[in-house]
Protein backbone atom coordinates (compact mmCIF):
# COMPACT_ATOMS: atom_id res chain seq x y z
CA UNK A 1 0.00 0.00 0.00
CA UNK A 2 1.34 3.41 -0.97
CA UNK A 3 1.84 6.17 1.59
CA UNK A 4 -0.47 9.21 1.55
CA UNK A 5 2.03 10.96 -0.76
CA UNK A 6 0.15 12.81 -3.50
CA UNK A 7 1.15 12.09 -7.08
CA UNK A 8 -0.02 15.32 -8.63
CA UNK A 9 1.04 14.44 -12.17
CA UNK A 10 -1.47 11.61 -12.20
CA UNK A 11 -4.17 14.11 -11.23
CA UNK A 12 -2.97 16.31 -14.09
CA UNK A 13 -3.16 13.43 -16.59
CA UNK A 14 -6.69 12.76 -15.41
CA UNK A 15 -7.39 16.50 -15.76
CA UNK A 16 -6.30 16.44 -19.41
CA UNK A 17 -8.65 13.49 -19.99
CA UNK A 18 -11.50 15.40 -18.32
CA UNK A 19 -10.99 18.42 -20.57
CA UNK A 20 -10.85 16.17 -23.62
CA UNK A 21 -14.03 14.42 -22.48
CA UNK A 22 -15.91 17.72 -22.08
CA UNK A 23 -14.83 18.85 -25.54
CA UNK A 24 -15.81 15.49 -27.04
CA UNK A 25 -19.27 15.62 -25.46
CA UNK A 26 -19.69 19.19 -26.66
CA UNK A 27 -18.91 17.95 -30.17
CA UNK A 28 -21.35 15.06 -29.68
CA UNK A 29 -24.13 17.31 -28.44
CA UNK A 30 -23.73 19.87 -31.23
CA UNK A 31 -23.36 17.56 -34.21
CA UNK A 32 -24.95 14.26 -33.17
CA UNK A 33 -27.56 14.98 -30.51
CA UNK A 34 -28.87 18.34 -31.70
CA UNK A 35 -27.59 18.30 -35.28
CA UNK A 36 -28.83 14.82 -36.09
CA UNK A 37 -25.59 13.82 -37.83
CA UNK A 38 -24.96 10.59 -35.94
CA UNK A 39 -22.55 9.45 -38.65
CA UNK A 40 -20.15 12.15 -37.47
CA UNK A 41 -19.56 10.17 -34.28
CA UNK A 42 -18.14 7.23 -36.24
CA UNK A 43 -15.54 9.13 -38.23
CA UNK A 44 -12.19 7.48 -37.58
CA UNK A 45 -10.52 10.52 -35.93
CA UNK A 46 -13.56 11.04 -33.67
CA UNK A 47 -13.68 7.35 -32.75
CA UNK A 48 -9.97 7.38 -31.88
CA UNK A 49 -10.49 10.56 -29.86
CA UNK A 50 -13.25 8.90 -27.84
CA UNK A 51 -11.17 5.73 -27.31
CA UNK A 52 -8.17 7.76 -26.09
CA UNK A 53 -10.32 9.43 -23.42
CA UNK A 54 -11.78 6.16 -22.17
CA UNK A 55 -8.47 4.30 -22.15
CA UNK A 56 -6.88 7.11 -20.14
CA UNK A 57 -9.69 7.16 -17.57
CA UNK A 58 -9.69 3.39 -17.12
CA UNK A 59 -5.91 3.03 -16.83
CA UNK A 60 -5.62 5.98 -14.43
CA UNK A 61 -8.46 4.55 -12.33
CA UNK A 62 -6.58 1.27 -12.10
CA UNK A 63 -3.40 3.14 -11.17
CA UNK A 64 -5.24 5.18 -8.53
CA UNK A 65 -6.65 2.14 -6.76
CA UNK A 66 -3.12 1.62 -5.44
CA UNK A 67 -3.51 4.82 -3.43
CA UNK A 68 -6.84 3.96 -1.83
CA UNK A 69 -7.21 2.36 1.58
CA UNK A 70 -10.96 2.18 1.04
CA UNK A 71 -11.39 0.46 -2.30
CA UNK A 72 -14.86 -0.86 -1.48
CA UNK A 73 -16.12 2.54 -0.37
CA UNK A 74 -14.67 4.18 -3.44
CA UNK A 75 -16.25 1.57 -5.68
CA UNK A 76 -19.65 1.98 -4.03
CA UNK A 77 -19.54 5.78 -4.42
CA UNK A 78 -18.83 5.41 -8.13
CA UNK A 79 -21.58 2.75 -8.37
CA UNK A 80 -24.03 5.21 -6.83
CA UNK A 81 -23.05 7.83 -9.40
CA UNK A 82 -23.47 5.24 -12.16
CA UNK A 83 -27.00 4.50 -10.95
CA UNK A 84 -27.82 8.21 -11.05
CA UNK A 85 -26.55 8.38 -14.64
CA UNK A 86 -28.74 5.42 -15.58
CA UNK A 87 -31.82 6.95 -13.94
CA UNK A 88 -31.35 10.40 -15.48
CA UNK A 89 -30.63 9.12 -18.98
CA UNK A 90 -33.57 6.71 -18.78
CA UNK A 91 -35.93 9.54 -17.82
CA UNK A 92 -34.57 11.91 -20.49
CA UNK A 93 -33.84 9.41 -23.29
CA UNK A 94 -35.59 6.08 -22.64
CA UNK A 95 -34.33 4.64 -25.92
CA UNK A 96 -30.74 5.78 -25.34
CA UNK A 97 -30.27 5.20 -21.62
CA UNK A 98 -26.86 4.30 -20.22
CA UNK A 99 -27.21 0.86 -18.67
CA UNK A 100 -23.54 -0.10 -18.39
CA UNK A 101 -21.24 2.79 -19.21
CA UNK A 102 -17.78 3.77 -18.06
CA UNK A 103 -18.85 4.57 -14.48
CA UNK A 104 -20.55 1.18 -14.15
CA UNK A 105 -17.40 -0.47 -15.46
CA UNK A 106 -15.14 1.48 -13.12
CA UNK A 107 -17.24 0.74 -10.04
CA UNK A 108 -17.34 -2.97 -10.88
CA UNK A 109 -13.58 -2.99 -11.52
CA UNK A 110 -12.80 -1.17 -8.27
CA UNK A 111 -14.89 -3.58 -6.22
CA UNK A 112 -13.63 -6.76 -7.89
CA UNK A 113 -9.99 -5.69 -7.96
CA UNK A 114 -10.17 -4.72 -4.29
CA UNK A 115 -11.55 -8.18 -3.51
CA UNK A 116 -8.78 -9.82 -5.56
CA UNK A 117 -5.90 -7.71 -4.23
CA UNK A 118 -4.55 -10.42 -1.87
CA UNK A 119 -4.12 -12.65 -4.95
CA UNK A 120 -3.06 -9.96 -7.40
CA UNK A 121 -0.38 -8.64 -5.08
CA UNK A 122 1.37 -12.01 -5.22
CA UNK A 123 1.96 -11.53 -8.95
CA UNK A 124 5.13 -9.77 -10.06
CA UNK A 125 4.25 -6.35 -11.50
CA UNK A 126 5.92 -6.97 -14.88
CA UNK A 127 4.01 -10.25 -15.25
CA UNK A 128 0.73 -8.53 -14.35
CA UNK A 129 1.34 -5.72 -16.86
CA UNK A 130 2.10 -8.15 -19.68
CA UNK A 131 -0.62 -10.70 -18.92
CA UNK A 132 -3.46 -8.25 -18.45
CA UNK A 133 -2.54 -6.18 -21.49
CA UNK A 134 -2.53 -9.36 -23.58
CA UNK A 135 -5.90 -10.35 -22.12
CA UNK A 136 -7.26 -6.89 -22.98
CA UNK A 137 -5.93 -7.15 -26.52
CA UNK A 138 -7.30 -10.66 -27.08
CA UNK A 139 -10.73 -9.86 -25.61
CA UNK A 140 -11.14 -6.43 -27.25
CA UNK A 141 -13.25 -7.91 -30.03
CA UNK A 142 -15.58 -9.96 -27.79
CA UNK A 143 -18.51 -7.50 -28.19
CA UNK A 144 -18.06 -7.94 -31.96
CA UNK A 145 -18.04 -11.72 -31.70
CA UNK A 146 -14.40 -12.72 -31.74
CA UNK A 147 -11.13 -13.24 -29.93
CA UNK A 148 -8.21 -11.60 -31.67
CA UNK A 149 -5.55 -8.94 -31.87
CA UNK A 150 -7.71 -5.97 -30.94
CA UNK A 151 -10.18 -5.64 -33.87
CA UNK A 152 -8.46 -8.30 -35.99
CA UNK A 153 -10.32 -11.62 -35.45
CA UNK A 154 -8.44 -14.83 -34.78
CA UNK A 155 -11.29 -16.94 -33.43
CA UNK A 156 -15.02 -16.47 -33.89
CA UNK A 157 -17.11 -17.08 -30.78
CA UNK A 158 -20.35 -19.12 -30.77
CA UNK A 159 -23.39 -17.00 -31.60
CA UNK A 160 -25.24 -18.72 -28.75
CA UNK A 161 -23.27 -16.53 -26.33
CA UNK A 162 -24.89 -13.44 -27.86
CA UNK A 163 -28.52 -14.47 -27.48
CA UNK A 164 -28.99 -13.35 -23.88
CA UNK A 165 -29.48 -9.68 -23.06
CA UNK A 166 -27.98 -9.94 -19.58
CA UNK A 167 -24.69 -11.25 -20.98
CA UNK A 168 -24.23 -7.96 -22.82
CA UNK A 169 -22.89 -6.50 -19.57
CA UNK A 170 -20.16 -9.15 -19.63
CA UNK A 171 -19.32 -8.35 -23.26
CA UNK A 172 -21.46 -10.74 -25.30
CA UNK A 173 -23.52 -8.02 -26.94
CA UNK A 174 -27.01 -9.15 -27.98
CA UNK A 175 -29.02 -7.55 -30.78
CA UNK A 176 -31.71 -6.30 -28.40
CA UNK A 177 -29.34 -4.56 -25.95
CA UNK A 178 -28.44 -0.90 -26.29
CA UNK A 179 -26.59 1.43 -23.97
CA UNK A 180 -25.64 4.91 -25.18
CA UNK A 181 -22.36 4.52 -23.29
CA UNK A 182 -21.21 0.89 -23.37
CA UNK A 183 -18.13 -0.45 -21.61
CA UNK A 184 -18.62 -4.14 -20.87
CA UNK A 185 -16.58 -6.09 -18.33
CA UNK A 186 -14.76 -7.86 -21.16
CA UNK A 187 -12.38 -6.50 -22.30
CA UNK A 188 -12.27 -3.32 -20.19
CA UNK A 189 -11.80 -4.90 -16.76
CA UNK A 190 -8.46 -6.26 -17.97
CA UNK A 191 -7.33 -2.74 -18.90
CA UNK A 192 -8.22 -1.53 -15.40
CA UNK A 193 -6.11 -4.27 -13.83
CA UNK A 194 -3.34 -3.46 -16.31
CA UNK A 195 -3.35 0.06 -14.86
CA UNK A 196 -3.22 -1.35 -11.34
CA UNK A 197 -0.10 -3.36 -12.18
CA UNK A 198 1.42 -0.55 -14.24
CA UNK A 199 1.74 1.61 -11.14
CA UNK A 200 3.17 -1.27 -9.12
CA UNK A 201 5.81 -1.68 -11.83
CA UNK A 202 6.55 2.06 -11.75
CA UNK A 203 6.99 1.83 -7.96
CA UNK A 204 9.18 -1.25 -8.25
CA UNK A 205 11.46 0.59 -10.68
CA UNK A 206 11.46 3.62 -8.33
CA UNK A 207 10.10 5.88 -11.06
CA UNK A 208 7.20 7.22 -9.00
CA UNK A 209 9.15 10.37 -8.10
CA UNK A 210 8.53 11.60 -11.65
CA UNK A 211 4.80 11.85 -10.89
CA UNK A 212 4.98 14.33 -8.02
CA UNK A 213 5.07 17.54 -10.05
CA UNK A 214 2.00 19.69 -9.49
CA UNK A 215 0.52 21.30 -12.60
CA UNK A 216 -1.92 24.09 -11.66
CA UNK A 217 -5.49 23.90 -13.00
CA UNK A 218 -4.98 20.42 -14.48
CA UNK A 219 -4.22 19.09 -11.01
CA UNK A 220 -7.41 20.69 -9.65
CA UNK A 221 -9.56 19.40 -12.51
CA UNK A 222 -8.17 15.89 -12.10
CA UNK A 223 -8.93 15.82 -8.37
CA UNK A 224 -12.56 16.76 -9.06
CA UNK A 225 -13.07 14.54 -12.10
CA UNK A 226 -16.07 12.63 -10.76
CA UNK A 227 -17.99 15.80 -9.91
CA UNK A 228 -17.18 17.29 -13.31
CA UNK A 229 -18.24 14.05 -15.00
CA UNK A 230 -21.61 14.13 -13.26
CA UNK A 231 -22.31 17.80 -14.01
CA UNK A 232 -20.79 18.53 -17.40
CA UNK A 233 -23.37 16.91 -19.66
CA UNK A 234 -26.42 18.68 -18.12
CA UNK A 235 -24.52 21.96 -18.45
CA UNK A 236 -23.50 21.27 -22.05
CA UNK A 237 -27.02 20.12 -22.91
CA UNK A 238 -28.46 23.31 -21.45
CA UNK A 239 -26.04 25.47 -23.43
CA UNK A 240 -26.80 23.61 -26.66
CA UNK A 241 -30.55 23.82 -25.98
CA UNK A 242 -30.24 27.55 -25.41
CA UNK A 243 -28.30 28.26 -28.60
CA UNK A 244 -29.43 25.48 -30.94
CA UNK A 245 -33.04 25.05 -29.87
CA UNK A 246 -35.05 21.94 -29.16
CA UNK A 247 -33.54 18.64 -30.20
């Protein structure tokens, strides 16, 4: 367990991801939600932009679990926020509600990783980094029906796995399941654990001193990322509604 030492650079990295997320959602609201150009969200640069934000948040969340003495409490707080997101989106957009988005994934990952820490901490950090990155890479295509090298399929999975709506949360996406923000357990849990081990490797190599530099503004934003996440979309929606009119 790390000491209470604050690694401000990690907060700053999270802050950069928060700013990028707000800008991405502003783009989404203007062009996709209010503009009706949903195809704009699937342009390759926009897709890569969105992926970069999510990967950063998930890895940094895995890293940050090393600093928490109350992993269960932290996971339950994020789970509560995830439930609020589901309720609000269901009331506002019943057909586009968020049933298992990034907050749901993070809360699940925090709780499960905390439970598994006695076992995980017996694994050498370099082994954990390699193994869980490989698992993430191999399982990345599970929602699309395959095991492979990220999006490149090596093995097609049985279609029977994709017939049950409840398995969509795991990663076996059924045709009748839709979540506006969708981050299933497979493959994203493996990326979270990769982040957990990545920091342990950094500590083992005594490189953690490089993460103590405090970057004003970004550090503050990163430390308040959950609050900003919960509030930014209603604010952006209100601004777009004011200037662009009814959806």
